[in-house]
Amino acid sequence: MRRFEPKYGNPPHRICEICNDDGKCLNNETNPNYDDDFFGSDIYDCVDYLEKKNNTQGKFIRGYIKNIQEIKPEPKKGFNEWSLKH
């Protein structure tokens, strides 16, 4: 398979603000398990790595789910609303 070089060069490398590119995160290009395809490594690999490093596994997703549930309660409609009034 032939690889094409970018027409305008490679974009500058940005240091990840989550894992600071220490090379151990799966979202780091220097990691041997880095996956650069469309569905490959992403920001959640950094979050997972940081949670393992700080011994806070699952805290991000639990907070995310809690925020979704607190957005707004479902309004009562129809018979349910009528039955509460009577």
C-alpha atoms as a PDB file:
ATOM      1  CA  MET A   1       0.000   0.000   0.000  1.00  0.00           C
ATOM      2  CA  ARG A   2       1.330   3.414  -0.940  1.00  0.00           C
ATOM      3  CA  ARG A   3       1.235   6.168   1.694  1.00  0.00           C
ATOM      4  CA  PHE A   4       0.747   9.732   0.579  1.00  0.00           C
ATOM      5  CA  GLU A   5       2.606  12.596   2.186  1.00  0.00           C
ATOM      6  CA  PRO A   6       0.506  15.614   3.218  1.00  0.00           C
ATOM      7  CA  LYS A   7       0.553  18.395   0.663  1.00  0.00           C
ATOM      8  CA  TYR A   8       1.227  21.143   3.208  1.00  0.00           C
ATOM      9  CA  GLY A   9       3.267  19.186   5.760  1.00  0.00           C
ATOM     10  CA  ASN A  10       2.207  17.741   9.088  1.00  0.00           C
ATOM     11  CA  PRO A  11       0.328  19.876  11.599  1.00  0.00           C
ATOM     12  CA  PRO A  12       2.283  20.878  14.718  1.00  0.00           C
ATOM     13  CA  HIS A  13       2.131  18.430  17.594  1.00  0.00           C
ATOM     14  CA  ARG A  14       0.017  19.585  20.538  1.00  0.00           C
ATOM     15  CA  ILE A  15       0.793  18.302  24.011  1.00  0.00           C
ATOM     16  CA  CYS A  16      -2.230  16.627  25.566  1.00  0.00           C
ATOM     17  CA  GLU A  17      -3.583  18.604  28.516  1.00  0.00           C
ATOM     18  CA  ILE A  18      -4.943  15.424  30.154  1.00  0.00           C
ATOM     19  CA  CYS A  19      -1.964  13.029  30.163  1.00  0.00           C
ATOM     20  CA  ASN A  20       0.842  15.500  29.262  1.00  0.00           C
ATOM     21  CA  ASP A  21       2.101  13.081  26.560  1.00  0.00           C
ATOM     22  CA  ASP A  22       4.195  10.920  28.859  1.00  0.00           C
ATOM     23  CA  GLY A  23       4.076   8.087  26.282  1.00  0.00           C
ATOM     24  CA  LYS A  24       2.061   5.659  28.426  1.00  0.00           C
ATOM     25  CA  CYS A  25      -1.392   6.833  27.310  1.00  0.00           C
ATOM     26  CA  LEU A  26      -3.018   4.965  24.391  1.00  0.00           C
ATOM     27  CA  ASN A  27      -3.805   8.288  22.722  1.00  0.00           C
ATOM     28  CA  ASN A  28      -0.094   9.145  22.457  1.00  0.00           C
ATOM     29  CA  GLU A  29       1.554   8.587  19.068  1.00  0.00           C
ATOM     30  CA  THR A  30       4.706   7.222  20.760  1.00  0.00           C
ATOM     31  CA  ASN A  31       2.754   4.447  22.517  1.00  0.00           C
ATOM     32  CA  PRO A  32       3.273   1.094  20.718  1.00  0.00           C
ATOM     33  CA  ASN A  33      -0.501   0.367  20.984  1.00  0.00           C
ATOM     34  CA  TYR A  34      -1.543   3.717  19.453  1.00  0.00           C
ATOM     35  CA  ASP A  35      -4.298   3.278  16.877  1.00  0.00           C
ATOM     36  CA  ASP A  36      -4.457   6.058  14.281  1.00  0.00           C
ATOM     37  CA  ASP A  37      -7.416   4.862  12.224  1.00  0.00           C
ATOM     38  CA  PHE A  38     -10.799   6.634  12.213  1.00  0.00           C
ATOM     39  CA  PHE A  39     -12.198   4.753  15.228  1.00  0.00           C
ATOM     40  CA  GLY A  40      -8.832   4.430  16.967  1.00  0.00           C
ATOM     41  CA  SER A  41      -7.426   6.240  19.973  1.00  0.00           C
ATOM     42  CA  ASP A  42      -9.242   9.275  21.329  1.00  0.00           C
ATOM     43  CA  ILE A  43      -9.563  11.561  24.337  1.00  0.00           C
ATOM     44  CA  TYR A  44     -11.288   8.834  26.370  1.00  0.00           C
ATOM     45  CA  ASP A  45      -8.060   6.810  26.239  1.00  0.00           C
ATOM     46  CA  CYS A  46      -6.417   9.747  28.054  1.00  0.00           C
ATOM     47  CA  VAL A  47      -9.229   9.856  30.620  1.00  0.00           C
ATOM     48  CA  ASP A  48      -8.959   6.089  31.195  1.00  0.00           C
ATOM     49  CA  TYR A  49      -5.166   6.303  31.582  1.00  0.00           C
ATOM     50  CA  LEU A  50      -5.403   9.228  34.013  1.00  0.00           C
ATOM     51  CA  GLU A  51      -8.060   7.471  36.124  1.00  0.00           C
ATOM     52  CA  LYS A  52      -5.861   4.366  36.391  1.00  0.00           C
ATOM     53  CA  LYS A  53      -2.845   6.508  37.266  1.00  0.00           C
ATOM     54  CA  ASN A  54      -4.728   8.423  40.001  1.00  0.00           C
ATOM     55  CA  ASN A  55      -6.751   5.392  41.223  1.00  0.00           C
ATOM     56  CA  THR A  56     -10.092   7.057  40.385  1.00  0.00           C
ATOM     57  CA  GLN A  57     -11.417   4.528  37.845  1.00  0.00           C
ATOM     58  CA  GLY A  58     -15.008   5.142  36.750  1.00  0.00           C
ATOM     59  CA  LYS A  59     -15.264   8.624  38.272  1.00  0.00           C
ATOM     60  CA  PHE A  60     -15.524  10.384  34.891  1.00  0.00           C
ATOM     61  CA  ILE A  61     -18.340   8.197  33.553  1.00  0.00           C
ATOM     62  CA  ARG A  62     -20.268   8.239  36.844  1.00  0.00           C
ATOM     63  CA  GLY A  63     -20.100  12.041  36.879  1.00  0.00           C
ATOM     64  CA  TYR A  64     -21.170  12.164  33.235  1.00  0.00           C
ATOM     65  CA  ILE A  65     -24.207   9.933  33.881  1.00  0.00           C
ATOM     66  CA  LYS A  66     -25.142  11.912  37.005  1.00  0.00           C
ATOM     67  CA  ASN A  67     -25.073  15.182  35.021  1.00  0.00           C
ATOM     68  CA  ILE A  68     -27.306  13.708  32.323  1.00  0.00           C
ATOM     69  CA  GLN A  69     -29.847  12.533  34.894  1.00  0.00           C
ATOM     70  CA  GLU A  70     -29.931  15.954  36.598  1.00  0.00           C
ATOM     71  CA  ILE A  71     -30.611  17.921  33.405  1.00  0.00           C
ATOM     72  CA  LYS A  72     -34.398  18.077  33.740  1.00  0.00           C
ATOM     73  CA  PRO A  73     -37.162  15.759  34.845  1.00  0.00           C
ATOM     74  CA  GLU A  74     -39.703  14.518  32.331  1.00  0.00           C
ATOM     75  CA  PRO A  75     -42.861  16.676  32.435  1.00  0.00           C
ATOM     76  CA  LYS A  76     -46.087  14.954  33.468  1.00  0.00           C
ATOM     77  CA  LYS A  77     -48.692  14.903  30.715  1.00  0.00           C
ATOM     78  CA  GLY A  78     -52.115  13.549  29.960  1.00  0.00           C
ATOM     79  CA  PHE A  79     -53.833  11.243  32.418  1.00  0.00           C
ATOM     80  CA  ASN A  80     -50.943  11.334  34.884  1.00  0.00           C
ATOM     81  CA  GLU A  81     -51.201  15.122  35.213  1.00  0.00           C
ATOM     82  CA  TRP A  82     -55.037  14.954  35.530  1.00  0.00           C
ATOM     83  CA  SER A  83     -54.889  12.208  38.181  1.00  0.00           C
ATOM     84  CA  LEU A  84     -52.491  14.226  40.351  1.00  0.00           C
ATOM     85  CA  LYS A  85     -54.934  17.159  40.379  1.00  0.00           C
ATOM     86  CA  HIS A  86     -57.982  15.048  41.375  1.00  0.00           C
END
